[in-house]
Amino acid sequence: MISYTARTSQEQVDPVRIGGYWATIIEDFLRSAVDDHHLLPEAQTIDLTFDDFMADDVAAVERIYALAGQPFTATTRAVRPLRSNAFLRSSILRRMSLFSLGGRYLRAPNLWIS
């Protein structure tokens, strides 16, 4: 989206450069979150991998609600995304590959950040 809107203020847009820049920023944020994770009380944190969320998004959200002490009602459970998780995952990976954001920008299995 940033590359798309950049065309309104730039004659030439380099989506690979913009994607790489933002991937680095996000990586820094995520590394900081992992590095500082120990500073938070264990009772107030949850470790949830992307793969776990994509495998069963409702169960993942139910865990988050439980941690927050919020009710997970039938109405809450009924709210579902319009697209399947498999579609979303393949769509994300396909879009990343279109902008040459493979390699170091794709995390390794079972890791927060590669």
C-alpha atoms as a PDB file:
ATOM      1  CA  MET A   1       0.000   0.000   0.000  1.00  0.00           C
ATOM      2  CA  ILE A   2       2.871   2.362   0.756  1.00  0.00           C
ATOM      3  CA  SER A   3       4.368   1.718  -2.685  1.00  0.00           C
ATOM      4  CA  TYR A   4       0.988   2.344  -4.268  1.00  0.00           C
ATOM      5  CA  THR A   5       0.495   5.693  -2.535  1.00  0.00           C
ATOM      6  CA  ALA A   6       4.131   6.691  -3.135  1.00  0.00           C
ATOM      7  CA  ARG A   7       3.297   7.078  -6.808  1.00  0.00           C
ATOM      8  CA  THR A   8       1.305  10.207  -5.948  1.00  0.00           C
ATOM      9  CA  SER A   9       4.445  12.020  -4.785  1.00  0.00           C
ATOM     10  CA  GLN A  10       7.263  10.354  -6.745  1.00  0.00           C
ATOM     11  CA  GLU A  11       7.936   9.999 -10.449  1.00  0.00           C
ATOM     12  CA  GLN A  12       9.463   6.539 -10.036  1.00  0.00           C
ATOM     13  CA  VAL A  13       8.598   4.137  -7.240  1.00  0.00           C
ATOM     14  CA  ASP A  14      10.868   1.277  -6.212  1.00  0.00           C
ATOM     15  CA  PRO A  15       8.591  -1.236  -4.438  1.00  0.00           C
ATOM     16  CA  VAL A  16      11.488  -3.584  -3.658  1.00  0.00           C
ATOM     17  CA  ARG A  17      13.378  -0.806  -1.843  1.00  0.00           C
ATOM     18  CA  ILE A  18      10.248   0.329  -0.004  1.00  0.00           C
ATOM     19  CA  GLY A  19       9.350  -3.262   0.934  1.00  0.00           C
ATOM     20  CA  GLY A  20      12.872  -3.937   2.151  1.00  0.00           C
ATOM     21  CA  TYR A  21      12.858  -0.759   4.228  1.00  0.00           C
ATOM     22  CA  TRP A  22       9.574  -1.631   5.939  1.00  0.00           C
ATOM     23  CA  ALA A  23      10.551  -5.266   6.406  1.00  0.00           C
ATOM     24  CA  THR A  24      13.645  -4.043   8.277  1.00  0.00           C
ATOM     25  CA  ILE A  25      11.579  -1.673  10.449  1.00  0.00           C
ATOM     26  CA  ILE A  26       9.096  -4.429  11.305  1.00  0.00           C
ATOM     27  CA  GLU A  27      11.942  -6.839  12.029  1.00  0.00           C
ATOM     28  CA  ASP A  28      13.451  -4.311  14.464  1.00  0.00           C
ATOM     29  CA  PHE A  29      10.088  -3.925  16.229  1.00  0.00           C
ATOM     30  CA  LEU A  30       9.613  -7.692  16.482  1.00  0.00           C
ATOM     31  CA  ARG A  31      13.166  -8.286  17.715  1.00  0.00           C
ATOM     32  CA  SER A  32      12.630  -5.646  20.403  1.00  0.00           C
ATOM     33  CA  ALA A  33       9.401  -7.358  21.456  1.00  0.00           C
ATOM     34  CA  VAL A  34      11.190 -10.706  21.725  1.00  0.00           C
ATOM     35  CA  ASP A  35      14.185  -9.180  23.542  1.00  0.00           C
ATOM     36  CA  ASP A  36      11.924  -7.427  26.081  1.00  0.00           C
ATOM     37  CA  HIS A  37       9.418 -10.271  26.476  1.00  0.00           C
ATOM     38  CA  HIS A  38      10.963 -11.291  29.812  1.00  0.00           C
ATOM     39  CA  LEU A  39      10.086  -7.877  31.283  1.00  0.00           C
ATOM     40  CA  LEU A  40       6.351  -8.638  31.171  1.00  0.00           C
ATOM     41  CA  PRO A  41       4.569 -10.757  33.774  1.00  0.00           C
ATOM     42  CA  GLU A  42       4.057 -14.284  32.419  1.00  0.00           C
ATOM     43  CA  ALA A  43       0.372 -14.157  33.377  1.00  0.00           C
ATOM     44  CA  GLN A  44      -0.092 -11.220  31.001  1.00  0.00           C
ATOM     45  CA  THR A  45       1.602 -12.623  27.910  1.00  0.00           C
ATOM     46  CA  ILE A  46       0.855 -15.281  25.331  1.00  0.00           C
ATOM     47  CA  ASP A  47       3.143 -16.797  22.727  1.00  0.00           C
ATOM     48  CA  LEU A  48       1.224 -17.413  19.539  1.00  0.00           C
ATOM     49  CA  THR A  49       2.947 -18.377  16.316  1.00  0.00           C
ATOM     50  CA  PHE A  50       1.685 -17.382  12.898  1.00  0.00           C
ATOM     51  CA  ASP A  51       1.353 -21.063  11.996  1.00  0.00           C
ATOM     52  CA  ASP A  52      -0.758 -21.787  15.089  1.00  0.00           C
ATOM     53  CA  PHE A  53      -3.002 -18.843  14.311  1.00  0.00           C
ATOM     54  CA  MET A  54      -3.386 -19.856  10.673  1.00  0.00           C
ATOM     55  CA  ALA A  55      -4.091 -23.481  11.635  1.00  0.00           C
ATOM     56  CA  ASP A  56      -6.966 -22.554  13.977  1.00  0.00           C
ATOM     57  CA  ASP A  57      -7.673 -18.854  14.245  1.00  0.00           C
ATOM     58  CA  VAL A  58     -10.725 -19.283  16.474  1.00  0.00           C
ATOM     59  CA  ALA A  59      -8.817 -21.358  19.042  1.00  0.00           C
ATOM     60  CA  ALA A  60      -5.995 -18.788  18.975  1.00  0.00           C
ATOM     61  CA  VAL A  61      -8.370 -15.887  19.584  1.00  0.00           C
ATOM     62  CA  GLU A  62     -10.113 -17.903  22.312  1.00  0.00           C
ATOM     63  CA  ARG A  63      -6.737 -18.250  24.085  1.00  0.00           C
ATOM     64  CA  ILE A  64      -6.216 -14.484  23.846  1.00  0.00           C
ATOM     65  CA  TYR A  65      -9.692 -13.779  25.243  1.00  0.00           C
ATOM     66  CA  ALA A  66      -9.061 -16.217  28.117  1.00  0.00           C
ATOM     67  CA  LEU A  67      -5.775 -14.531  28.985  1.00  0.00           C
ATOM     68  CA  ALA A  68      -7.505 -11.139  28.963  1.00  0.00           C
ATOM     69  CA  GLY A  69     -10.333 -12.470  31.131  1.00  0.00           C
ATOM     70  CA  GLN A  70     -12.911 -11.715  28.454  1.00  0.00           C
ATOM     71  CA  PRO A  71     -15.915 -13.920  27.627  1.00  0.00           C
ATOM     72  CA  PHE A  72     -15.723 -15.800  24.345  1.00  0.00           C
ATOM     73  CA  THR A  73     -19.412 -16.066  23.549  1.00  0.00           C
ATOM     74  CA  ALA A  74     -21.271 -17.863  20.786  1.00  0.00           C
ATOM     75  CA  THR A  75     -21.651 -14.498  19.054  1.00  0.00           C
ATOM     76  CA  THR A  76     -17.913 -13.926  19.242  1.00  0.00           C
ATOM     77  CA  ARG A  77     -17.261 -17.413  17.896  1.00  0.00           C
ATOM     78  CA  ALA A  78     -19.648 -16.818  14.979  1.00  0.00           C
ATOM     79  CA  VAL A  79     -17.635 -13.880  13.633  1.00  0.00           C
ATOM     80  CA  ARG A  80     -15.475 -15.423  10.906  1.00  0.00           C
ATOM     81  CA  PRO A  81     -13.251 -14.030   8.178  1.00  0.00           C
ATOM     82  CA  LEU A  82     -14.607 -14.153   4.647  1.00  0.00           C
ATOM     83  CA  ARG A  83     -11.555 -15.975   3.312  1.00  0.00           C
ATOM     84  CA  SER A  84      -9.935 -19.154   4.556  1.00  0.00           C
ATOM     85  CA  ASN A  85      -6.638 -19.043   6.430  1.00  0.00           C
ATOM     86  CA  ALA A  86      -4.980 -21.164   3.730  1.00  0.00           C
ATOM     87  CA  PHE A  87      -5.984 -18.555   1.152  1.00  0.00           C
ATOM     88  CA  LEU A  88      -4.655 -15.712   3.300  1.00  0.00           C
ATOM     89  CA  ARG A  89      -1.314 -17.448   3.928  1.00  0.00           C
ATOM     90  CA  SER A  90      -0.782 -18.223   0.227  1.00  0.00           C
ATOM     91  CA  SER A  91      -1.838 -14.683  -0.684  1.00  0.00           C
ATOM     92  CA  ILE A  92       0.668 -13.141   1.750  1.00  0.00           C
ATOM     93  CA  LEU A  93       3.522 -15.342   0.514  1.00  0.00           C
ATOM     94  CA  ARG A  94       2.626 -14.718  -3.143  1.00  0.00           C
ATOM     95  CA  ARG A  95       2.602 -10.950  -2.654  1.00  0.00           C
ATOM     96  CA  MET A  96       5.944 -11.045  -0.869  1.00  0.00           C
ATOM     97  CA  SER A  97       7.479 -12.995  -3.739  1.00  0.00           C
ATOM     98  CA  LEU A  98       6.149 -10.479  -6.294  1.00  0.00           C
ATOM     99  CA  PHE A  99       8.302  -7.820  -4.668  1.00  0.00           C
ATOM    100  CA  SER A 100      11.354 -10.045  -4.209  1.00  0.00           C
ATOM    101  CA  LEU A 101      10.794 -10.164  -0.456  1.00  0.00           C
ATOM    102  CA  GLY A 102      11.695 -13.797  -0.073  1.00  0.00           C
ATOM    103  CA  GLY A 103      14.828 -15.065   1.624  1.00  0.00           C
ATOM    104  CA  ARG A 104      15.545 -13.209   4.834  1.00  0.00           C
ATOM    105  CA  TYR A 105      12.081 -11.623   4.900  1.00  0.00           C
ATOM    106  CA  LEU A 106      10.358 -14.987   5.239  1.00  0.00           C
ATOM    107  CA  ARG A 107      10.731 -16.419   8.719  1.00  0.00           C
ATOM    108  CA  ALA A 108      11.972 -19.913   9.256  1.00  0.00           C
ATOM    109  CA  PRO A 109       9.544 -22.493  10.718  1.00  0.00           C
ATOM    110  CA  ASN A 110       9.096 -22.281  14.507  1.00  0.00           C
ATOM    111  CA  LEU A 111      10.950 -18.965  14.786  1.00  0.00           C
ATOM    112  CA  TRP A 112       9.633 -15.506  15.469  1.00  0.00           C
ATOM    113  CA  ILE A 113      12.045 -13.904  13.019  1.00  0.00           C
ATOM    114  CA  SER A 114      14.665 -15.454  10.765  1.00  0.00           C
END
